[in-house]
PDB file of all heavy atoms in Angstrom:
ATOM      1  N   ALA A   1       0.833  -1.206   0.000  1.00  0.00           N
ATOM      2  CA  ALA A   1       0.000   0.000   0.000  1.00  0.00           C
ATOM      3  C   ALA A   1       0.868   1.257   0.000  1.00  0.00           C
ATOM      4  O   ALA A   1       0.557   2.242  -0.685  1.00  0.00           O
ATOM      5  CB  ALA A   1      -0.925  -0.016   1.218  1.00  0.00           C
ATOM      6  N   LYS A   2       1.976   1.239   0.750  1.00  0.00           N
ATOM      7  CA  LYS A   2       2.890   2.396   0.776  1.00  0.00           C
ATOM      8  C   LYS A   2       3.497   2.638  -0.598  1.00  0.00           C
ATOM      9  O   LYS A   2       3.572   3.790  -1.064  1.00  0.00           O
ATOM     10  CB  LYS A   2       4.017   2.157   1.786  1.00  0.00           C
ATOM     11  CG  LYS A   2       3.657   2.431   3.221  1.00  0.00           C
ATOM     12  CD  LYS A   2       4.888   2.432   4.108  1.00  0.00           C
ATOM     13  CE  LYS A   2       5.685   1.155   3.971  1.00  0.00           C
ATOM     14  NZ  LYS A   2       6.864   1.122   4.875  1.00  0.00           N
ATOM     15  N   GLU A   3       3.945   1.555  -1.246  1.00  0.00           N
ATOM     16  CA  GLU A   3       4.578   1.717  -2.554  1.00  0.00           C
ATOM     17  C   GLU A   3       3.589   2.234  -3.591  1.00  0.00           C
ATOM     18  O   GLU A   3       3.924   3.085  -4.421  1.00  0.00           O
ATOM     19  CB  GLU A   3       5.174   0.380  -3.012  1.00  0.00           C
ATOM     20  CG  GLU A   3       6.386  -0.050  -2.204  1.00  0.00           C
ATOM     21  CD  GLU A   3       7.096  -1.233  -2.842  1.00  0.00           C
ATOM     22  OE1 GLU A   3       7.305  -1.200  -4.073  1.00  0.00           O
ATOM     23  OE2 GLU A   3       7.432  -2.183  -2.115  1.00  0.00           O
ATOM     24  N   ILE A   4       2.359   1.726  -3.547  1.00  0.00           N
ATOM     25  CA  ILE A   4       1.341   2.197  -4.487  1.00  0.00           C
ATOM     26  C   ILE A   4       1.061   3.679  -4.245  1.00  0.00           C
ATOM     27  O   ILE A   4       0.884   4.459  -5.196  1.00  0.00           O
ATOM     28  CB  ILE A   4       0.054   1.371  -4.344  1.00  0.00           C
ATOM     29  CG1 ILE A   4       0.273  -0.027  -4.926  1.00  0.00           C
ATOM     30  CG2 ILE A   4      -1.117   2.058  -5.040  1.00  0.00           C
ATOM     31  CD1 ILE A   4      -0.921  -0.946  -4.805  1.00  0.00           C
ATOM     32  N   ALA A   5       1.009   4.068  -2.968  1.00  0.00           N
ATOM     33  CA  ALA A   5       0.774   5.487  -2.646  1.00  0.00           C
ATOM     34  C   ALA A   5       1.883   6.360  -3.229  1.00  0.00           C
ATOM     35  O   ALA A   5       1.620   7.447  -3.771  1.00  0.00           O
ATOM     36  CB  ALA A   5       0.688   5.661  -1.133  1.00  0.00           C
ATOM     37  N   MET A   6       3.131   5.897  -3.139  1.00  0.00           N
ATOM     38  CA  MET A   6       4.257   6.666  -3.684  1.00  0.00           C
ATOM     39  C   MET A   6       4.179   6.776  -5.199  1.00  0.00           C
ATOM     40  O   MET A   6       4.559   7.797  -5.786  1.00  0.00           O
ATOM     41  CB  MET A   6       5.579   5.990  -3.291  1.00  0.00           C
ATOM     42  CG  MET A   6       5.919   6.078  -1.816  1.00  0.00           C
ATOM     43  SD  MET A   6       7.400   5.108  -1.412  1.00  0.00           S
ATOM     44  CE  MET A   6       8.636   5.927  -2.417  1.00  0.00           C
ATOM     45  N   LEU A   7       3.659   5.709  -5.840  1.00  0.00           N
ATOM     46  CA  LEU A   7       3.585   5.703  -7.305  1.00  0.00           C
ATOM     47  C   LEU A   7       2.610   6.746  -7.844  1.00  0.00           C
ATOM     48  O   LEU A   7       2.696   7.127  -9.020  1.00  0.00           O
ATOM     49  CB  LEU A   7       3.170   4.308  -7.803  1.00  0.00           C
ATOM     50  CG  LEU A   7       4.218   3.194  -7.648  1.00  0.00           C
ATOM     51  CD1 LEU A   7       3.602   1.836  -7.949  1.00  0.00           C
ATOM     52  CD2 LEU A   7       5.412   3.463  -8.570  1.00  0.00           C
ATOM     53  N   GLN A   8       1.665   7.206  -6.983  1.00  0.00           N
ATOM     54  CA  GLN A   8       0.658   8.165  -7.465  1.00  0.00           C
ATOM     55  C   GLN A   8       1.254   9.549  -7.716  1.00  0.00           C
ATOM     56  O   GLN A   8       0.746  10.323  -8.529  1.00  0.00           O
ATOM     57  CB  GLN A   8      -0.486   8.270  -6.450  1.00  0.00           C
ATOM     58  CG  GLN A   8      -1.103   6.940  -6.078  1.00  0.00           C
ATOM     59  CD  GLN A   8      -1.451   6.071  -7.273  1.00  0.00           C
ATOM     60  OE1 GLN A   8      -2.206   6.475  -8.162  1.00  0.00           O
ATOM     61  NE2 GLN A   8      -0.894   4.844  -7.293  1.00  0.00           N
ATOM     62  N   ARG A   9       2.297   9.883  -6.959  1.00  0.00           N
ATOM     63  CA  ARG A   9       3.016  11.151  -7.154  1.00  0.00           C
ATOM     64  C   ARG A   9       2.081  12.353  -7.105  1.00  0.00           C
ATOM     65  O   ARG A   9       2.116  13.236  -7.953  1.00  0.00           O
ATOM     66  CB  ARG A   9       3.786  11.129  -8.469  1.00  0.00           C
ATOM     67  CG  ARG A   9       4.875  10.063  -8.494  1.00  0.00           C
ATOM     68  CD  ARG A   9       5.574   9.979  -9.814  1.00  0.00           C
ATOM     69  NE  ARG A   9       6.568   8.929  -9.825  1.00  0.00           N
ATOM     70  CZ  ARG A   9       7.243   8.541 -10.901  1.00  0.00           C
ATOM     71  NH1 ARG A   9       6.989   9.127 -12.077  1.00  0.00           N
ATOM     72  NH2 ARG A   9       8.142   7.588 -10.833  1.00  0.00           N
ATOM     73  N   ASN A  10       1.219  12.336  -6.095  1.00  0.00           N
ATOM     74  CA  ASN A  10       0.355  13.498  -5.858  1.00  0.00           C
ATOM     75  C   ASN A  10       0.145  13.629  -4.347  1.00  0.00           C
ATOM     76  O   ASN A  10       0.663  12.842  -3.553  1.00  0.00           O
ATOM     77  CB  ASN A  10      -0.977  13.349  -6.610  1.00  0.00           C
ATOM     78  CG  ASN A  10      -1.702  12.058  -6.234  1.00  0.00           C
ATOM     79  OD1 ASN A  10      -1.583  11.552  -5.123  1.00  0.00           O
ATOM     80  ND2 ASN A  10      -2.465  11.516  -7.183  1.00  0.00           N
ATOM     81  N   GLU A  11      -0.594  14.657  -3.947  1.00  0.00           N
ATOM     82  CA  GLU A  11      -0.791  14.922  -2.519  1.00  0.00           C
ATOM     83  C   GLU A  11      -1.526  13.797  -1.817  1.00  0.00           C
ATOM     84  O   GLU A  11      -1.215  13.463  -0.674  1.00  0.00           O
ATOM     85  CB  GLU A  11      -1.541  16.253  -2.335  1.00  0.00           C
ATOM     86  CG  GLU A  11      -0.696  17.474  -2.634  1.00  0.00           C
ATOM     87  CD  GLU A  11       0.541  17.532  -1.752  1.00  0.00           C
ATOM     88  OE1 GLU A  11       0.413  17.287  -0.521  1.00  0.00           O
ATOM     89  OE2 GLU A  11       1.639  17.803  -2.267  1.00  0.00           O
ATOM     90  N   LYS A  12      -2.517  13.218  -2.481  1.00  0.00           N
ATOM     91  CA  LYS A  12      -3.272  12.127  -1.856  1.00  0.00           C
ATOM     92  C   LYS A  12      -2.357  10.917  -1.626  1.00  0.00           C
ATOM     93  O   LYS A  12      -2.452  10.243  -0.585  1.00  0.00           O
ATOM     94  CB  LYS A  12      -4.455  11.709  -2.727  1.00  0.00           C
ATOM     95  CG  LYS A  12      -5.491  12.800  -2.925  1.00  0.00           C
ATOM     96  CD  LYS A  12      -6.180  13.172  -1.615  1.00  0.00           C
ATOM     97  CE  LYS A  12      -7.125  12.111  -1.127  1.00  0.00           C
ATOM     98  NZ  LYS A  12      -7.929  12.543   0.038  1.00  0.00           N
ATOM     99  N   GLY A  13      -1.477  10.658  -2.590  1.00  0.00           N
ATOM    100  CA  GLY A  13      -0.537   9.557  -2.427  1.00  0.00           C
ATOM    101  C   GLY A  13       0.428   9.821  -1.288  1.00  0.00           C
ATOM    102  O   GLY A  13       0.740   8.917  -0.502  1.00  0.00           O
ATOM    103  N   LYS A  14       0.911  11.055  -1.179  1.00  0.00           N
ATOM    104  CA  LYS A  14       1.820  11.421  -0.096  1.00  0.00           C
ATOM    105  C   LYS A  14       1.129  11.303   1.254  1.00  0.00           C
ATOM    106  O   LYS A  14       1.699  10.796   2.227  1.00  0.00           O
ATOM    107  CB  LYS A  14       2.308  12.849  -0.318  1.00  0.00           C
ATOM    108  CG  LYS A  14       3.267  13.350   0.747  1.00  0.00           C
ATOM    109  CD  LYS A  14       3.722  14.771   0.446  1.00  0.00           C
ATOM    110  CE  LYS A  14       4.658  15.264   1.535  1.00  0.00           C
ATOM    111  NZ  LYS A  14       5.091  16.675   1.279  1.00  0.00           N
ATOM    112  N   GLU A  15      -0.112  11.775   1.313  1.00  0.00           N
ATOM    113  CA  GLU A  15      -0.882  11.699   2.559  1.00  0.00           C
ATOM    114  C   GLU A  15      -1.096  10.241   2.986  1.00  0.00           C
ATOM    115  O   GLU A  15      -0.960   9.898   4.167  1.00  0.00           O
ATOM    116  CB  GLU A  15      -2.225  12.395   2.373  1.00  0.00           C
ATOM    117  CG  GLU A  15      -3.035  12.533   3.657  1.00  0.00           C
ATOM    118  CD  GLU A  15      -4.353  13.247   3.436  1.00  0.00           C
ATOM    119  OE1 GLU A  15      -4.640  13.632   2.277  1.00  0.00           O
ATOM    120  OE2 GLU A  15      -5.109  13.422   4.430  1.00  0.00           O
ATOM    121  N   ALA A  16      -1.408   9.388   1.994  1.00  0.00           N
ATOM    122  CA  ALA A  16      -1.625   7.972   2.302  1.00  0.00           C
ATOM    123  C   ALA A  16      -0.340   7.325   2.796  1.00  0.00           C
ATOM    124  O   ALA A  16      -0.343   6.547   3.766  1.00  0.00           O
ATOM    125  CB  ALA A  16      -2.136   7.244   1.063  1.00  0.00           C
ATOM    126  N   ARG A  17       0.785   7.656   2.143  1.00  0.00           N
ATOM    127  CA  ARG A  17       2.070   7.068   2.549  1.00  0.00           C
ATOM    128  C   ARG A  17       2.419   7.457   3.979  1.00  0.00           C
ATOM    129  O   ARG A  17       2.850   6.624   4.789  1.00  0.00           O
ATOM    130  CB  ARG A  17       3.171   7.510   1.582  1.00  0.00           C
ATOM    131  CG  ARG A  17       4.551   6.992   1.954  1.00  0.00           C
ATOM    132  CD  ARG A  17       5.596   7.386   0.929  1.00  0.00           C
ATOM    133  NE  ARG A  17       6.922   7.000   1.365  1.00  0.00           N
ATOM    134  CZ  ARG A  17       7.684   7.727   2.183  1.00  0.00           C
ATOM    135  NH1 ARG A  17       7.242   8.910   2.638  1.00  0.00           N
ATOM    136  NH2 ARG A  17       8.892   7.303   2.535  1.00  0.00           N
ATOM    137  N   LEU A  18       2.286   8.743   4.312  1.00  0.00           N
ATOM    138  CA  LEU A  18       2.584   9.204   5.674  1.00  0.00           C
ATOM    139  C   LEU A  18       1.669   8.527   6.702  1.00  0.00           C
ATOM    140  O   LEU A  18       2.088   8.194   7.812  1.00  0.00           O
ATOM    141  CB  LEU A  18       2.442  10.724   5.748  1.00  0.00           C
ATOM    142  CG  LEU A  18       3.491  11.541   4.969  1.00  0.00           C
ATOM    143  CD1 LEU A  18       3.169  13.039   5.030  1.00  0.00           C
ATOM    144  CD2 LEU A  18       4.891  11.281   5.527  1.00  0.00           C
ATOM    145  N   TYR A  19       0.428   8.315   6.295  1.00  0.00           N
ATOM    146  CA  TYR A  19      -0.531   7.649   7.187  1.00  0.00           C
ATOM    147  C   TYR A  19      -0.087   6.208   7.446  1.00  0.00           C
ATOM    148  O   TYR A  19      -0.097   5.735   8.593  1.00  0.00           O
ATOM    149  CB  TYR A  19      -1.912   7.673   6.533  1.00  0.00           C
ATOM    150  CG  TYR A  19      -2.966   6.876   7.263  1.00  0.00           C
ATOM    151  CD1 TYR A  19      -3.454   7.276   8.502  1.00  0.00           C
ATOM    152  CD2 TYR A  19      -3.480   5.694   6.699  1.00  0.00           C
ATOM    153  CE1 TYR A  19      -4.426   6.536   9.168  1.00  0.00           C
ATOM    154  CE2 TYR A  19      -4.449   4.960   7.355  1.00  0.00           C
ATOM    155  CZ  TYR A  19      -4.915   5.381   8.594  1.00  0.00           C
ATOM    156  OH  TYR A  19      -5.871   4.654   9.247  1.00  0.00           O
ATOM    157  N   PHE A  20       0.344   5.513   6.390  1.00  0.00           N
ATOM    158  CA  PHE A  20       0.783   4.126   6.557  1.00  0.00           C
ATOM    159  C   PHE A  20       2.063   4.046   7.380  1.00  0.00           C
ATOM    160  O   PHE A  20       2.245   3.111   8.172  1.00  0.00           O
ATOM    161  CB  PHE A  20       0.991   3.466   5.188  1.00  0.00           C
ATOM    162  CG  PHE A  20      -0.276   3.296   4.404  1.00  0.00           C
ATOM    163  CD1 PHE A  20      -0.306   3.490   3.025  1.00  0.00           C
ATOM    164  CD2 PHE A  20      -1.457   2.934   5.032  1.00  0.00           C
ATOM    165  CE1 PHE A  20      -1.475   3.333   2.303  1.00  0.00           C
ATOM    166  CE2 PHE A  20      -2.643   2.770   4.314  1.00  0.00           C
ATOM    167  CZ  PHE A  20      -2.646   2.978   2.944  1.00  0.00           C
ATOM    168  N   LEU A  21       2.957   5.010   7.214  1.00  0.00           N
ATOM    169  CA  LEU A  21       4.184   5.038   8.009  1.00  0.00           C
ATOM    170  C   LEU A  21       3.870   5.189   9.500  1.00  0.00           C
ATOM    171  O   LEU A  21       4.489   4.541  10.350  1.00  0.00           O
ATOM    172  CB  LEU A  21       5.090   6.185   7.545  1.00  0.00           C
ATOM    173  CG  LEU A  21       5.829   5.976   6.223  1.00  0.00           C
ATOM    174  CD1 LEU A  21       6.513   7.267   5.786  1.00  0.00           C
ATOM    175  CD2 LEU A  21       6.866   4.848   6.362  1.00  0.00           C
ATOM    176  N   GLU A  22       2.884   6.036   9.811  1.00  0.00           N
ATOM    177  CA  GLU A  22       2.494   6.230  11.210  1.00  0.00           C
ATOM    178  C   GLU A  22       1.842   4.967  11.771  1.00  0.00           C
ATOM    179  O   GLU A  22       2.068   4.599  12.931  1.00  0.00           O
ATOM    180  CB  GLU A  22       1.534   7.415  11.312  1.00  0.00           C
ATOM    181  CG  GLU A  22       1.036   7.715  12.729  1.00  0.00           C
ATOM    182  CD  GLU A  22       2.147   8.082  13.692  1.00  0.00           C
ATOM    183  OE1 GLU A  22       3.267   8.405  13.246  1.00  0.00           O
ATOM    184  OE2 GLU A  22       1.896   8.025  14.920  1.00  0.00           O
ATOM    185  N   LEU A  23       1.026   4.312  10.933  1.00  0.00           N
ATOM    186  CA  LEU A  23       0.424   3.047  11.366  1.00  0.00           C
ATOM    187  C   LEU A  23       1.505   2.022  11.703  1.00  0.00           C
ATOM    188  O   LEU A  23       1.424   1.322  12.723  1.00  0.00           O
ATOM    189  CB  LEU A  23      -0.483   2.482  10.267  1.00  0.00           C
ATOM    190  CG  LEU A  23      -1.875   3.078  10.110  1.00  0.00           C
ATOM    191  CD1 LEU A  23      -2.615   2.338   9.004  1.00  0.00           C
ATOM    192  CD2 LEU A  23      -2.672   2.989  11.400  1.00  0.00           C
ATOM    193  N   GLU A  24       2.524   1.937  10.822  1.00  0.00           N
ATOM    194  CA  GLU A  24       3.617   0.986  11.065  1.00  0.00           C
ATOM    195  C   GLU A  24       4.370   1.335  12.343  1.00  0.00           C
ATOM    196  O   GLU A  24       4.738   0.441  13.121  1.00  0.00           O
ATOM    197  CB  GLU A  24       4.594   1.007   9.888  1.00  0.00           C
ATOM    198  CG  GLU A  24       4.169   0.164   8.712  1.00  0.00           C
ATOM    199  CD  GLU A  24       5.268   0.059   7.667  1.00  0.00           C
ATOM    200  OE1 GLU A  24       5.839   1.108   7.309  1.00  0.00           O
ATOM    201  OE2 GLU A  24       5.556  -1.061   7.229  1.00  0.00           O
ATOM    202  N   ARG A  25       4.608   2.627  12.549  1.00  0.00           N
ATOM    203  CA  ARG A  25       5.350   3.044  13.745  1.00  0.00           C
ATOM    204  C   ARG A  25       4.606   2.617  14.996  1.00  0.00           C
ATOM    205  O   ARG A  25       5.194   2.081  15.935  1.00  0.00           O
ATOM    206  CB  ARG A  25       5.554   4.566  13.736  1.00  0.00           C
ATOM    207  CG  ARG A  25       6.434   5.078  14.865  1.00  0.00           C
ATOM    208  CD  ARG A  25       6.427   6.587  14.943  1.00  0.00           C
ATOM    209  NE  ARG A  25       5.119   7.091  15.372  1.00  0.00           N
ATOM    210  CZ  ARG A  25       4.699   7.077  16.650  1.00  0.00           C
ATOM    211  NH1 ARG A  25       5.466   6.583  17.606  1.00  0.00           N
ATOM    212  NH2 ARG A  25       3.521   7.555  16.953  1.00  0.00           N
ATOM    213  N   ARG A  26       3.301   2.853  15.006  1.00  0.00           N
ATOM    214  CA  ARG A  26       2.509   2.462  16.172  1.00  0.00           C
ATOM    215  C   ARG A  26       2.430   0.947  16.325  1.00  0.00           C
ATOM    216  O   ARG A  26       2.494   0.416  17.428  1.00  0.00           O
ATOM    217  CB  ARG A  26       1.101   3.053  16.063  1.00  0.00           C
ATOM    218  CG  ARG A  26       1.080   4.568  16.084  1.00  0.00           C
ATOM    219  CD  ARG A  26      -0.313   5.088  16.237  1.00  0.00           C
ATOM    220  NE  ARG A  26      -0.351   6.544  16.270  1.00  0.00           N
ATOM    221  CZ  ARG A  26      -1.348   7.261  16.792  1.00  0.00           C
ATOM    222  NH1 ARG A  26      -2.398   6.639  17.310  1.00  0.00           N
ATOM    223  NH2 ARG A  26      -1.310   8.570  16.783  1.00  0.00           N
ATOM    224  N   TRP A  27       2.256   0.249  15.189  1.00  0.00           N
ATOM    225  CA  TRP A  27       2.139  -1.209  15.217  1.00  0.00           C
ATOM    226  C   TRP A  27       3.409  -1.861  15.782  1.00  0.00           C
ATOM    227  O   TRP A  27       3.339  -2.873  16.492  1.00  0.00           O
ATOM    228  CB  TRP A  27       1.872  -1.701  13.800  1.00  0.00           C
ATOM    229  CG  TRP A  27       1.722  -3.196  13.666  1.00  0.00           C
ATOM    230  CD1 TRP A  27       2.661  -4.076  13.239  1.00  0.00           C
ATOM    231  CD2 TRP A  27       0.547  -3.973  13.937  1.00  0.00           C
ATOM    232  NE1 TRP A  27       2.165  -5.353  13.232  1.00  0.00           N
ATOM    233  CE2 TRP A  27       0.854  -5.322  13.655  1.00  0.00           C
ATOM    234  CE3 TRP A  27      -0.737  -3.665  14.380  1.00  0.00           C
ATOM    235  CZ2 TRP A  27      -0.053  -6.359  13.809  1.00  0.00           C
ATOM    236  CZ3 TRP A  27      -1.658  -4.690  14.537  1.00  0.00           C
ATOM    237  CH2 TRP A  27      -1.320  -6.020  14.253  1.00  0.00           C
ATOM    238  N   ASN A  28       4.571  -1.274  15.442  1.00  0.00           N
ATOM    239  CA  ASN A  28       5.842  -1.852  15.866  1.00  0.00           C
ATOM    240  C   ASN A  28       6.397  -1.233  17.141  1.00  0.00           C
ATOM    241  O   ASN A  28       7.538  -1.526  17.526  1.00  0.00           O
ATOM    242  CB  ASN A  28       6.879  -1.698  14.741  1.00  0.00           C
ATOM    243  CG  ASN A  28       6.507  -2.513  13.516  1.00  0.00           C
ATOM    244  OD1 ASN A  28       6.042  -3.642  13.624  1.00  0.00           O
ATOM    245  ND2 ASN A  28       6.704  -1.932  12.338  1.00  0.00           N
ATOM    246  N   SER A  29       5.606  -0.384  17.797  1.00  0.00           N
ATOM    247  CA  SER A  29       6.060   0.211  19.065  1.00  0.00           C
ATOM    248  C   SER A  29       6.190  -0.887  20.117  1.00  0.00           C
ATOM    249  O   SER A  29       5.489  -1.906  20.059  1.00  0.00           O
ATOM    250  CB  SER A  29       5.079   1.278  19.531  1.00  0.00           C
ATOM    251  OG  SER A  29       3.840   0.681  19.880  1.00  0.00           O
ATOM    252  N   PRO A  30       7.089  -0.738  21.097  1.00  0.00           N
ATOM    253  CA  PRO A  30       7.256  -1.766  22.144  1.00  0.00           C
ATOM    254  C   PRO A  30       5.946  -2.107  22.851  1.00  0.00           C
ATOM    255  O   PRO A  30       5.700  -3.267  23.184  1.00  0.00           O
ATOM    256  CB  PRO A  30       8.247  -1.104  23.118  1.00  0.00           C
ATOM    257  CG  PRO A  30       9.018  -0.149  22.269  1.00  0.00           C
ATOM    258  CD  PRO A  30       8.041   0.375  21.269  1.00  0.00           C
ATOM    259  N   GLU A  31       5.105  -1.083  23.063  1.00  0.00           N
ATOM    260  CA  GLU A  31       3.844  -1.331  23.757  1.00  0.00           C
ATOM    261  C   GLU A  31       2.927  -2.256  22.951  1.00  0.00           C
ATOM    262  O   GLU A  31       2.319  -3.194  23.496  1.00  0.00           O
ATOM    263  CB  GLU A  31       3.117  -0.004  24.022  1.00  0.00           C
ATOM    264  CG  GLU A  31       3.841   0.936  24.984  1.00  0.00           C
ATOM    265  CD  GLU A  31       4.947   1.725  24.311  1.00  0.00           C
ATOM    266  OE1 GLU A  31       5.068   1.641  23.058  1.00  0.00           O
ATOM    267  OE2 GLU A  31       5.695   2.412  25.025  1.00  0.00           O
ATOM    268  N   MET A  32       2.833  -2.012  21.619  1.00  0.00           N
ATOM    269  CA  MET A  32       1.956  -2.834  20.791  1.00  0.00           C
ATOM    270  C   MET A  32       2.526  -4.232  20.594  1.00  0.00           C
ATOM    271  O   MET A  32       1.778  -5.220  20.564  1.00  0.00           O
ATOM    272  CB  MET A  32       1.741  -2.158  19.429  1.00  0.00           C
ATOM    273  CG  MET A  32       0.838  -0.940  19.484  1.00  0.00           C
ATOM    274  SD  MET A  32      -0.814  -1.350  20.135  1.00  0.00           S
ATOM    275  CE  MET A  32      -1.405  -2.476  18.875  1.00  0.00           C
ATOM    276  N   VAL A  33       3.863  -4.329  20.464  1.00  0.00           N
ATOM    277  CA  VAL A  33       4.489  -5.647  20.346  1.00  0.00           C
ATOM    278  C   VAL A  33       4.221  -6.461  21.604  1.00  0.00           C
ATOM    279  O   VAL A  33       3.874  -7.651  21.545  1.00  0.00           O
ATOM    280  CB  VAL A  33       6.008  -5.512  20.103  1.00  0.00           C
ATOM    281  CG1 VAL A  33       6.685  -6.881  20.192  1.00  0.00           C
ATOM    282  CG2 VAL A  33       6.267  -4.883  18.731  1.00  0.00           C
TER     283      VAL A  33
END
C-alpha cells in the first residue's frame, strides 16, 4: 500500500504514505508488540 501510494506522485498519495508510516510506527512500538 505504501509503494502504491508513492507511485501516485500526488498529494493524496503522499498523505496515504505518511498515514501508513504512522500506522507501522505504532504497530511496531514496544507497547503494541
